[in-house]
PDB file of N, CA and C in Angstrom:
ATOM      1  N   MET A   1     -12.883   1.041 -39.376  1.00  0.00           N
ATOM      2  CA  MET A   1     -12.953   0.763 -37.958  1.00  0.00           C
ATOM      3  C   MET A   1     -11.555   0.508 -37.391  1.00  0.00           C
ATOM      4  N   LYS A   2     -10.750  -0.280 -38.105  1.00  0.00           N
ATOM      5  CA  LYS A   2      -9.396  -0.573 -37.653  1.00  0.00           C
ATOM      6  C   LYS A   2      -8.552   0.696 -37.617  1.00  0.00           C
ATOM      7  N   VAL A   3      -8.795   1.576 -38.565  1.00  0.00           N
ATOM      8  CA  VAL A   3      -8.036   2.825 -38.615  1.00  0.00           C
ATOM      9  C   VAL A   3      -8.379   3.692 -37.407  1.00  0.00           C
ATOM     10  N   ALA A   4      -9.655   3.728 -37.039  1.00  0.00           N
ATOM     11  CA  ALA A   4     -10.079   4.530 -35.888  1.00  0.00           C
ATOM     12  C   ALA A   4      -9.460   3.987 -34.604  1.00  0.00           C
ATOM     13  N   ILE A   5      -9.437   2.674 -34.446  1.00  0.00           N
ATOM     14  CA  ILE A   5      -8.841   2.069 -33.250  1.00  0.00           C
ATOM     15  C   ILE A   5      -7.342   2.344 -33.216  1.00  0.00           C
ATOM     16  N   ALA A   6      -6.681   2.209 -34.341  1.00  0.00           N
ATOM     17  CA  ALA A   6      -5.247   2.477 -34.405  1.00  0.00           C
ATOM     18  C   ALA A   6      -4.961   3.937 -34.081  1.00  0.00           C
ATOM     19  N   LEU A   7      -5.801   4.850 -34.573  1.00  0.00           N
ATOM     20  CA  LEU A   7      -5.619   6.275 -34.306  1.00  0.00           C
ATOM     21  C   LEU A   7      -5.801   6.570 -32.816  1.00  0.00           C
ATOM     22  N   LEU A   8      -6.816   5.975 -32.194  1.00  0.00           N
ATOM     23  CA  LEU A   8      -7.041   6.182 -30.766  1.00  0.00           C
ATOM     24  C   LEU A   8      -5.885   5.626 -29.937  1.00  0.00           C
ATOM     25  N   LEU A   9      -5.382   4.454 -30.311  1.00  0.00           N
ATOM     26  CA  LEU A   9      -4.243   3.886 -29.593  1.00  0.00           C
ATOM     27  C   LEU A   9      -3.005   4.759 -29.745  1.00  0.00           C
ATOM     28  N   TRP A  10      -2.788   5.274 -30.942  1.00  0.00           N
ATOM     29  CA  TRP A  10      -1.625   6.122 -31.184  1.00  0.00           C
ATOM     30  C   TRP A  10      -1.731   7.414 -30.379  1.00  0.00           C
ATOM     31  N   LEU A  11      -2.914   8.022 -30.345  1.00  0.00           N
ATOM     32  CA  LEU A  11      -3.104   9.248 -29.574  1.00  0.00           C
ATOM     33  C   LEU A  11      -2.968   8.978 -28.079  1.00  0.00           C
ATOM     34  N   GLY A  12      -3.479   7.844 -27.633  1.00  0.00           N
ATOM     35  CA  GLY A  12      -3.390   7.497 -26.215  1.00  0.00           C
ATOM     36  C   GLY A  12      -1.966   7.294 -25.757  1.00  0.00           C
ATOM     37  N   MET A  13      -1.104   6.804 -26.644  1.00  0.00           N
ATOM     38  CA  MET A  13       0.291   6.584 -26.272  1.00  0.00           C
ATOM     39  C   MET A  13       1.088   7.877 -26.292  1.00  0.00           C
ATOM     40  N   SER A  14       0.705   8.831 -27.104  1.00  0.00           N
ATOM     41  CA  SER A  14       1.494  10.051 -27.221  1.00  0.00           C
ATOM     42  C   SER A  14       1.063  11.125 -26.232  1.00  0.00           C
ATOM     43  N   LEU A  15      -0.130  11.049 -25.661  1.00  0.00           N
ATOM     44  CA  LEU A  15      -0.607  12.090 -24.760  1.00  0.00           C
ATOM     45  C   LEU A  15       0.159  12.176 -23.441  1.00  0.00           C
ATOM     46  N   PRO A  16       0.577  11.083 -22.810  1.00  0.00           N
ATOM     47  CA  PRO A  16       1.311  11.236 -21.551  1.00  0.00           C
ATOM     48  C   PRO A  16       2.597  12.046 -21.710  1.00  0.00           C
ATOM     49  N   GLY A  17       3.254  11.952 -22.822  1.00  0.00           N
ATOM     50  CA  GLY A  17       4.463  12.721 -23.052  1.00  0.00           C
ATOM     51  C   GLY A  17       4.196  14.204 -23.179  1.00  0.00           C
ATOM     52  N   MET A  18       3.008  14.566 -23.598  1.00  0.00           N
ATOM     53  CA  MET A  18       2.668  15.976 -23.748  1.00  0.00           C
ATOM     54  C   MET A  18       2.413  16.622 -22.387  1.00  0.00           C
ATOM     55  N   ALA A  19       2.141  15.850 -21.359  1.00  0.00           N
ATOM     56  CA  ALA A  19       1.840  16.395 -20.040  1.00  0.00           C
ATOM     57  C   ALA A  19       3.106  16.786 -19.278  1.00  0.00           C
ATOM     58  N   LEU A  20       4.263  16.368 -19.737  1.00  0.00           N
ATOM     59  CA  LEU A  20       5.508  16.675 -19.049  1.00  0.00           C
ATOM     60  C   LEU A  20       5.921  18.121 -19.300  1.00  0.00           C
ATOM     61  N   PRO A  21       6.552  18.783 -18.315  1.00  0.00           N
ATOM     62  CA  PRO A  21       7.022  20.151 -18.531  1.00  0.00           C
ATOM     63  C   PRO A  21       8.246  20.153 -19.442  1.00  0.00           C
ATOM     64  N   SER A  22       8.511  21.301 -20.010  1.00  0.00           N
ATOM     65  CA  SER A  22       9.688  21.406 -20.872  1.00  0.00           C
ATOM     66  C   SER A  22      10.951  21.296 -20.017  1.00  0.00           C
ATOM     67  N   GLU A  23      12.074  21.041 -20.649  1.00  0.00           N
ATOM     68  CA  GLU A  23      13.320  20.812 -19.908  1.00  0.00           C
ATOM     69  C   GLU A  23      13.796  22.061 -19.173  1.00  0.00           C
ATOM     70  N   GLY A  24      13.551  23.221 -19.712  1.00  0.00           N
ATOM     71  CA  GLY A  24      14.021  24.456 -19.092  1.00  0.00           C
ATOM     72  C   GLY A  24      13.116  24.977 -17.992  1.00  0.00           C
ATOM     73  N   GLU A  25      11.939  24.419 -17.849  1.00  0.00           N
ATOM     74  CA  GLU A  25      10.974  24.911 -16.863  1.00  0.00           C
ATOM     75  C   GLU A  25      11.280  24.340 -15.477  1.00  0.00           C
ATOM     76  N   VAL A  26      11.303  25.214 -14.475  1.00  0.00           N
ATOM     77  CA  VAL A  26      11.553  24.798 -13.096  1.00  0.00           C
ATOM     78  C   VAL A  26      10.206  24.516 -12.436  1.00  0.00           C
ATOM     79  N   PRO A  27      10.036  23.348 -11.801  1.00  0.00           N
ATOM     80  CA  PRO A  27       8.758  23.029 -11.161  1.00  0.00           C
ATOM     81  C   PRO A  27       8.404  24.023 -10.053  1.00  0.00           C
ATOM     82  N   GLU A  28       7.110  24.229  -9.858  1.00  0.00           N
ATOM     83  CA  GLU A  28       6.634  25.178  -8.851  1.00  0.00           C
ATOM     84  C   GLU A  28       7.050  24.752  -7.450  1.00  0.00           C
ATOM     85  N   GLU A  29       7.095  23.443  -7.209  1.00  0.00           N
ATOM     86  CA  GLU A  29       7.478  22.956  -5.892  1.00  0.00           C
ATOM     87  C   GLU A  29       8.898  23.385  -5.529  1.00  0.00           C
ATOM     88  N   VAL A  30       9.775  23.419  -6.519  1.00  0.00           N
ATOM     89  CA  VAL A  30      11.156  23.836  -6.273  1.00  0.00           C
ATOM     90  C   VAL A  30      11.206  25.333  -6.015  1.00  0.00           C
ATOM     91  N   LEU A  31      10.415  26.098  -6.759  1.00  0.00           N
ATOM     92  CA  LEU A  31      10.417  27.545  -6.589  1.00  0.00           C
ATOM     93  C   LEU A  31       9.855  27.956  -5.226  1.00  0.00           C
ATOM     94  N   ARG A  32       8.888  27.201  -4.713  1.00  0.00           N
ATOM     95  CA  ARG A  32       8.277  27.537  -3.429  1.00  0.00           C
ATOM     96  C   ARG A  32       9.119  27.096  -2.244  1.00  0.00           C
ATOM     97  N   GLY A  33      10.063  26.203  -2.466  1.00  0.00           N
ATOM     98  CA  GLY A  33      10.850  25.664  -1.351  1.00  0.00           C
ATOM     99  C   GLY A  33      11.705  26.731  -0.704  1.00  0.00           C
ATOM    100  N   GLU A  34      11.648  26.794   0.604  1.00  0.00           N
ATOM    101  CA  GLU A  34      12.457  27.743   1.352  1.00  0.00           C
ATOM    102  C   GLU A  34      13.271  26.978   2.388  1.00  0.00           C
ATOM    103  N   VAL A  35      14.468  27.456   2.643  1.00  0.00           N
ATOM    104  CA  VAL A  35      15.314  26.851   3.655  1.00  0.00           C
ATOM    105  C   VAL A  35      14.970  27.497   4.991  1.00  0.00           C
ATOM    106  N   THR A  36      14.641  26.691   5.973  1.00  0.00           N
ATOM    107  CA  THR A  36      14.294  27.208   7.289  1.00  0.00           C
ATOM    108  C   THR A  36      15.574  27.429   8.075  1.00  0.00           C
ATOM    109  N   VAL A  37      15.818  28.668   8.465  1.00  0.00           N
ATOM    110  CA  VAL A  37      17.026  28.976   9.224  1.00  0.00           C
ATOM    111  C   VAL A  37      16.704  29.274  10.678  1.00  0.00           C
ATOM    112  N   GLY A  38      15.457  29.360  11.027  1.00  0.00           N
ATOM    113  CA  GLY A  38      15.052  29.612  12.407  1.00  0.00           C
ATOM    114  C   GLY A  38      13.847  28.768  12.745  1.00  0.00           C
ATOM    115  N   ALA A  39      13.690  28.474  14.008  1.00  0.00           N
ATOM    116  CA  ALA A  39      12.557  27.652  14.427  1.00  0.00           C
ATOM    117  C   ALA A  39      12.161  28.062  15.837  1.00  0.00           C
ATOM    118  N   ARG A  40      11.096  27.443  16.320  1.00  0.00           N
ATOM    119  CA  ARG A  40      10.618  27.710  17.676  1.00  0.00           C
ATOM    120  C   ARG A  40      10.645  26.419  18.483  1.00  0.00           C
ATOM    121  N   SER A  41      10.902  26.566  19.752  1.00  0.00           N
ATOM    122  CA  SER A  41      10.934  25.419  20.652  1.00  0.00           C
ATOM    123  C   SER A  41       9.537  24.833  20.781  1.00  0.00           C
ATOM    124  N   PRO A  42       9.403  23.501  20.706  1.00  0.00           N
ATOM    125  CA  PRO A  42       8.078  22.906  20.867  1.00  0.00           C
ATOM    126  C   PRO A  42       7.579  22.975  22.314  1.00  0.00           C
ATOM    127  N   PHE A  43       8.444  23.317  23.257  1.00  0.00           N
ATOM    128  CA  PHE A  43       8.054  23.358  24.662  1.00  0.00           C
ATOM    129  C   PHE A  43       7.520  24.723  25.079  1.00  0.00           C
ATOM    130  N   ASP A  44       8.296  25.783  24.811  1.00  0.00           N
ATOM    131  CA  ASP A  44       7.884  27.104  25.280  1.00  0.00           C
ATOM    132  C   ASP A  44       7.758  28.137  24.164  1.00  0.00           C
ATOM    133  N   GLY A  45       8.021  27.747  22.927  1.00  0.00           N
ATOM    134  CA  GLY A  45       7.869  28.668  21.802  1.00  0.00           C
ATOM    135  C   GLY A  45       9.001  29.663  21.662  1.00  0.00           C
ATOM    136  N   ALA A  46      10.087  29.474  22.382  1.00  0.00           N
ATOM    137  CA  ALA A  46      11.226  30.382  22.294  1.00  0.00           C
ATOM    138  C   ALA A  46      11.918  30.207  20.946  1.00  0.00           C
ATOM    139  N   PRO A  47      12.406  31.309  20.367  1.00  0.00           N
ATOM    140  CA  PRO A  47      13.101  31.187  19.079  1.00  0.00           C
ATOM    141  C   PRO A  47      14.417  30.426  19.224  1.00  0.00           C
ATOM    142  N   LEU A  48      14.690  29.562  18.246  1.00  0.00           N
ATOM    143  CA  LEU A  48      15.910  28.760  18.229  1.00  0.00           C
ATOM    144  C   LEU A  48      16.579  28.903  16.869  1.00  0.00           C
ATOM    145  N   THR A  49      17.893  28.736  16.853  1.00  0.00           N
ATOM    146  CA  THR A  49      18.591  28.681  15.575  1.00  0.00           C
ATOM    147  C   THR A  49      18.388  27.293  14.987  1.00  0.00           C
ATOM    148  N   ALA A  50      18.753  27.131  13.740  1.00  0.00           N
ATOM    149  CA  ALA A  50      18.586  25.832  13.088  1.00  0.00           C
ATOM    150  C   ALA A  50      19.409  24.761  13.801  1.00  0.00           C
ATOM    151  N   ARG A  51      20.602  25.112  14.244  1.00  0.00           N
ATOM    152  CA  ARG A  51      21.459  24.146  14.933  1.00  0.00           C
ATOM    153  C   ARG A  51      20.853  23.730  16.280  1.00  0.00           C
ATOM    154  N   GLU A  52      20.369  24.712  17.045  1.00  0.00           N
ATOM    155  CA  GLU A  52      19.752  24.400  18.335  1.00  0.00           C
ATOM    156  C   GLU A  52      18.511  23.532  18.153  1.00  0.00           C
ATOM    157  N   TYR A  53      17.740  23.827  17.110  1.00  0.00           N
ATOM    158  CA  TYR A  53      16.530  23.053  16.846  1.00  0.00           C
ATOM    159  C   TYR A  53      16.881  21.609  16.491  1.00  0.00           C
ATOM    160  N   ALA A  54      17.917  21.419  15.664  1.00  0.00           N
ATOM    161  CA  ALA A  54      18.336  20.063  15.287  1.00  0.00           C
ATOM    162  C   ALA A  54      18.824  19.295  16.515  1.00  0.00           C
ATOM    163  N   GLU A  55      19.593  19.964  17.380  1.00  0.00           N
ATOM    164  CA  GLU A  55      20.068  19.311  18.600  1.00  0.00           C
ATOM    165  C   GLU A  55      18.901  18.939  19.513  1.00  0.00           C
ATOM    166  N   LEU A  56      17.899  19.820  19.599  1.00  0.00           N
ATOM    167  CA  LEU A  56      16.729  19.542  20.424  1.00  0.00           C
ATOM    168  C   LEU A  56      15.949  18.351  19.880  1.00  0.00           C
ATOM    169  N   GLN A  57      15.826  18.255  18.563  1.00  0.00           N
ATOM    170  CA  GLN A  57      15.126  17.126  17.955  1.00  0.00           C
ATOM    171  C   GLN A  57      15.844  15.812  18.251  1.00  0.00           C
ATOM    172  N   VAL A  58      17.169  15.812  18.175  1.00  0.00           N
ATOM    173  CA  VAL A  58      17.945  14.604  18.479  1.00  0.00           C
ATOM    174  C   VAL A  58      17.768  14.226  19.945  1.00  0.00           C
ATOM    175  N   GLU A  59      17.792  15.216  20.823  1.00  0.00           N
ATOM    176  CA  GLU A  59      17.618  14.955  22.257  1.00  0.00           C
ATOM    177  C   GLU A  59      16.228  14.389  22.559  1.00  0.00           C
ATOM    178  N   ILE A  60      15.202  14.931  21.921  1.00  0.00           N
ATOM    179  CA  ILE A  60      13.836  14.426  22.114  1.00  0.00           C
ATOM    180  C   ILE A  60      13.732  12.997  21.609  1.00  0.00           C
ATOM    181  N   GLU A  61      14.347  12.724  20.462  1.00  0.00           N
ATOM    182  CA  GLU A  61      14.302  11.374  19.895  1.00  0.00           C
ATOM    183  C   GLU A  61      14.996  10.373  20.817  1.00  0.00           C
ATOM    184  N   ARG A  62      16.124  10.763  21.382  1.00  0.00           N
ATOM    185  CA  ARG A  62      16.842   9.873  22.302  1.00  0.00           C
ATOM    186  C   ARG A  62      16.023   9.598  23.558  1.00  0.00           C
ATOM    187  N   SER A  63      15.340  10.613  24.063  1.00  0.00           N
ATOM    188  CA  SER A  63      14.572  10.426  25.298  1.00  0.00           C
ATOM    189  C   SER A  63      13.325   9.579  25.069  1.00  0.00           C
ATOM    190  N   ASN A  64      12.841   9.497  23.829  1.00  0.00           N
ATOM    191  CA  ASN A  64      11.647   8.712  23.529  1.00  0.00           C
ATOM    192  C   ASN A  64      11.949   7.239  23.281  1.00  0.00           C
ATOM    193  N   GLN A  65      13.213   6.886  23.126  1.00  0.00           N
ATOM    194  CA  GLN A  65      13.566   5.498  22.857  1.00  0.00           C
ATOM    195  C   GLN A  65      13.496   4.688  24.151  1.00  0.00           C
ATOM    196  N   VAL A  66      12.858   3.540  24.066  1.00  0.00           N
ATOM    197  CA  VAL A  66      12.713   2.658  25.221  1.00  0.00           C
ATOM    198  C   VAL A  66      13.346   1.318  24.870  1.00  0.00           C
ATOM    199  N   GLU A  67      14.186   0.824  25.763  1.00  0.00           N
ATOM    200  CA  GLU A  67      14.823  -0.466  25.527  1.00  0.00           C
ATOM    201  C   GLU A  67      13.881  -1.593  25.938  1.00  0.00           C
ATOM    202  N   ALA A  68      14.028  -2.720  25.276  1.00  0.00           N
ATOM    203  CA  ALA A  68      13.206  -3.882  25.606  1.00  0.00           C
ATOM    204  C   ALA A  68      13.678  -4.447  26.942  1.00  0.00           C
ATOM    205  N   VAL A  69      12.750  -4.538  27.888  1.00  0.00           N
ATOM    206  CA  VAL A  69      13.098  -5.050  29.207  1.00  0.00           C
ATOM    207  C   VAL A  69      12.312  -6.320  29.530  1.00  0.00           C
ATOM    208  N   ALA A  70      11.536  -6.813  28.581  1.00  0.00           N
ATOM    209  CA  ALA A  70      10.745  -8.021  28.817  1.00  0.00           C
ATOM    210  C   ALA A  70      11.664  -9.235  28.832  1.00  0.00           C
ATOM    211  N   PRO A  71      11.398 -10.179  29.714  1.00  0.00           N
ATOM    212  CA  PRO A  71      12.204 -11.398  29.758  1.00  0.00           C
ATOM    213  C   PRO A  71      12.047 -12.214  28.471  1.00  0.00           C
ATOM    214  N   GLU A  72      13.026 -13.040  28.212  1.00  0.00           N
ATOM    215  CA  GLU A  72      13.035 -13.854  26.991  1.00  0.00           C
ATOM    216  C   GLU A  72      11.814 -14.763  26.916  1.00  0.00           C
ATOM    217  N   LYS A  73      11.414 -15.343  28.033  1.00  0.00           N
ATOM    218  CA  LYS A  73      10.269 -16.258  28.047  1.00  0.00           C
ATOM    219  C   LYS A  73       8.979 -15.528  27.657  1.00  0.00           C
ATOM    220  N   LEU A  74       8.814 -14.300  28.142  1.00  0.00           N
ATOM    221  CA  LEU A  74       7.623 -13.511  27.813  1.00  0.00           C
ATOM    222  C   LEU A  74       7.618 -13.124  26.334  1.00  0.00           C
ATOM    223  N   ARG A  75       8.779 -12.712  25.807  1.00  0.00           N
ATOM    224  CA  ARG A  75       8.856 -12.372  24.379  1.00  0.00           C
ATOM    225  C   ARG A  75       8.540 -13.583  23.512  1.00  0.00           C
ATOM    226  N   ASN A  76       9.004 -14.758  23.929  1.00  0.00           N
ATOM    227  CA  ASN A  76       8.722 -15.990  23.197  1.00  0.00           C
ATOM    228  C   ASN A  76       7.224 -16.289  23.210  1.00  0.00           C
ATOM    229  N   LEU A  77       6.586 -16.110  24.365  1.00  0.00           N
ATOM    230  CA  LEU A  77       5.148 -16.352  24.487  1.00  0.00           C
ATOM    231  C   LEU A  77       4.346 -15.394  23.603  1.00  0.00           C
ATOM    232  N   VAL A  78       4.726 -14.131  23.586  1.00  0.00           N
ATOM    233  CA  VAL A  78       4.041 -13.149  22.732  1.00  0.00           C
ATOM    234  C   VAL A  78       4.206 -13.521  21.266  1.00  0.00           C
ATOM    235  N   GLY A  79       5.390 -13.979  20.887  1.00  0.00           N
ATOM    236  CA  GLY A  79       5.605 -14.416  19.508  1.00  0.00           C
ATOM    237  C   GLY A  79       4.723 -15.590  19.133  1.00  0.00           C
ATOM    238  N   LEU A  80       4.583 -16.541  20.059  1.00  0.00           N
ATOM    239  CA  LEU A  80       3.713 -17.692  19.797  1.00  0.00           C
ATOM    240  C   LEU A  80       2.248 -17.277  19.688  1.00  0.00           C
ATOM    241  N   LEU A  81       1.822 -16.331  20.519  1.00  0.00           N
ATOM    242  CA  LEU A  81       0.438 -15.844  20.433  1.00  0.00           C
ATOM    243  C   LEU A  81       0.177 -15.132  19.107  1.00  0.00           C
ATOM    244  N   ARG A  82       1.154 -14.368  18.639  1.00  0.00           N
ATOM    245  CA  ARG A  82       1.005 -13.704  17.331  1.00  0.00           C
ATOM    246  C   ARG A  82       0.934 -14.733  16.208  1.00  0.00           C
ATOM    247  N   LEU A  83       1.752 -15.783  16.308  1.00  0.00           N
ATOM    248  CA  LEU A  83       1.723 -16.849  15.311  1.00  0.00           C
ATOM    249  C   LEU A  83       0.367 -17.544  15.316  1.00  0.00           C
ATOM    250  N   ARG A  84      -0.166 -17.815  16.498  1.00  0.00           N
ATOM    251  CA  ARG A  84      -1.484 -18.459  16.621  1.00  0.00           C
ATOM    252  C   ARG A  84      -2.573 -17.590  15.997  1.00  0.00           C
ATOM    253  N   LYS A  85      -2.520 -16.292  16.263  1.00  0.00           N
ATOM    254  CA  LYS A  85      -3.516 -15.371  15.694  1.00  0.00           C
ATOM    255  C   LYS A  85      -3.418 -15.349  14.171  1.00  0.00           C
ATOM    256  N   PHE A  86      -2.196 -15.349  13.643  1.00  0.00           N
ATOM    257  CA  PHE A  86      -2.007 -15.357  12.193  1.00  0.00           C
ATOM    258  C   PHE A  86      -2.570 -16.633  11.573  1.00  0.00           C
ATOM    259  N   ILE A  87      -2.280 -17.776  12.198  1.00  0.00           N
ATOM    260  CA  ILE A  87      -2.776 -19.058  11.669  1.00  0.00           C
ATOM    261  C   ILE A  87      -4.294 -19.088  11.698  1.00  0.00           C
ATOM    262  N   LYS A  88      -4.903 -18.595  12.788  1.00  0.00           N
ATOM    263  CA  LYS A  88      -6.369 -18.582  12.872  1.00  0.00           C
ATOM    264  C   LYS A  88      -6.976 -17.629  11.838  1.00  0.00           C
ATOM    265  N   THR A  89      -6.259 -16.574  11.476  1.00  0.00           N
ATOM    266  CA  THR A  89      -6.755 -15.640  10.464  1.00  0.00           C
ATOM    267  C   THR A  89      -6.680 -16.257   9.078  1.00  0.00           C
ATOM    268  N   VAL A  90      -5.562 -16.895   8.771  1.00  0.00           N
ATOM    269  CA  VAL A  90      -5.353 -17.459   7.438  1.00  0.00           C
ATOM    270  C   VAL A  90      -6.101 -18.779   7.265  1.00  0.00           C
ATOM    271  N   LEU A  91      -6.069 -19.610   8.282  1.00  0.00           N
ATOM    272  CA  LEU A  91      -6.712 -20.927   8.222  1.00  0.00           C
ATOM    273  C   LEU A  91      -7.741 -21.049   9.350  1.00  0.00           C
ATOM    274  N   PRO A  92      -8.917 -20.457   9.196  1.00  0.00           N
ATOM    275  CA  PRO A  92      -9.883 -20.448  10.302  1.00  0.00           C
ATOM    276  C   PRO A  92     -10.473 -21.818  10.625  1.00  0.00           C
ATOM    277  N   PHE A  93     -10.358 -22.764   9.715  1.00  0.00           N
ATOM    278  CA  PHE A  93     -10.947 -24.082   9.933  1.00  0.00           C
ATOM    279  C   PHE A  93     -10.035 -25.009  10.731  1.00  0.00           C
ATOM    280  N   VAL A  94      -8.790 -24.635  10.987  1.00  0.00           N
ATOM    281  CA  VAL A  94      -7.864 -25.458  11.761  1.00  0.00           C
ATOM    282  C   VAL A  94      -8.205 -25.291  13.243  1.00  0.00           C
ATOM    283  N   PRO A  95      -8.460 -26.403  13.949  1.00  0.00           N
ATOM    284  CA  PRO A  95      -8.855 -26.289  15.364  1.00  0.00           C
ATOM    285  C   PRO A  95      -7.653 -26.022  16.276  1.00  0.00           C
ATOM    286  N   ILE A  96      -7.386 -24.753  16.543  1.00  0.00           N
ATOM    287  CA  ILE A  96      -6.318 -24.359  17.464  1.00  0.00           C
ATOM    288  C   ILE A  96      -6.986 -23.691  18.663  1.00  0.00           C
ATOM    289  N   LYS A  97      -6.651 -24.173  19.846  1.00  0.00           N
ATOM    290  CA  LYS A  97      -7.252 -23.584  21.051  1.00  0.00           C
ATOM    291  C   LYS A  97      -6.287 -22.679  21.744  1.00  0.00           C
TER     292      LYS A  97
END
């Protein structure tokens, strides 16, 4: 019985190493990878070069950024409300109104 358990443990430890590819084998994911040199505009579908597409992505990202314009007092109040919600979630028996 001990020999059978030892054999199963030994086989179980050696099997994960057998699942690895050989050192000279190139993974399929690498072989399928292609470099995109052209793209289409997300607005009108016009063809773009890789450089134009990258510039457009940066421009879109910049236009989507919004600066915080809330007053300090309002941000403080929102922080306190989040803290209250967290405390009520973790400690529901604490009487917080």
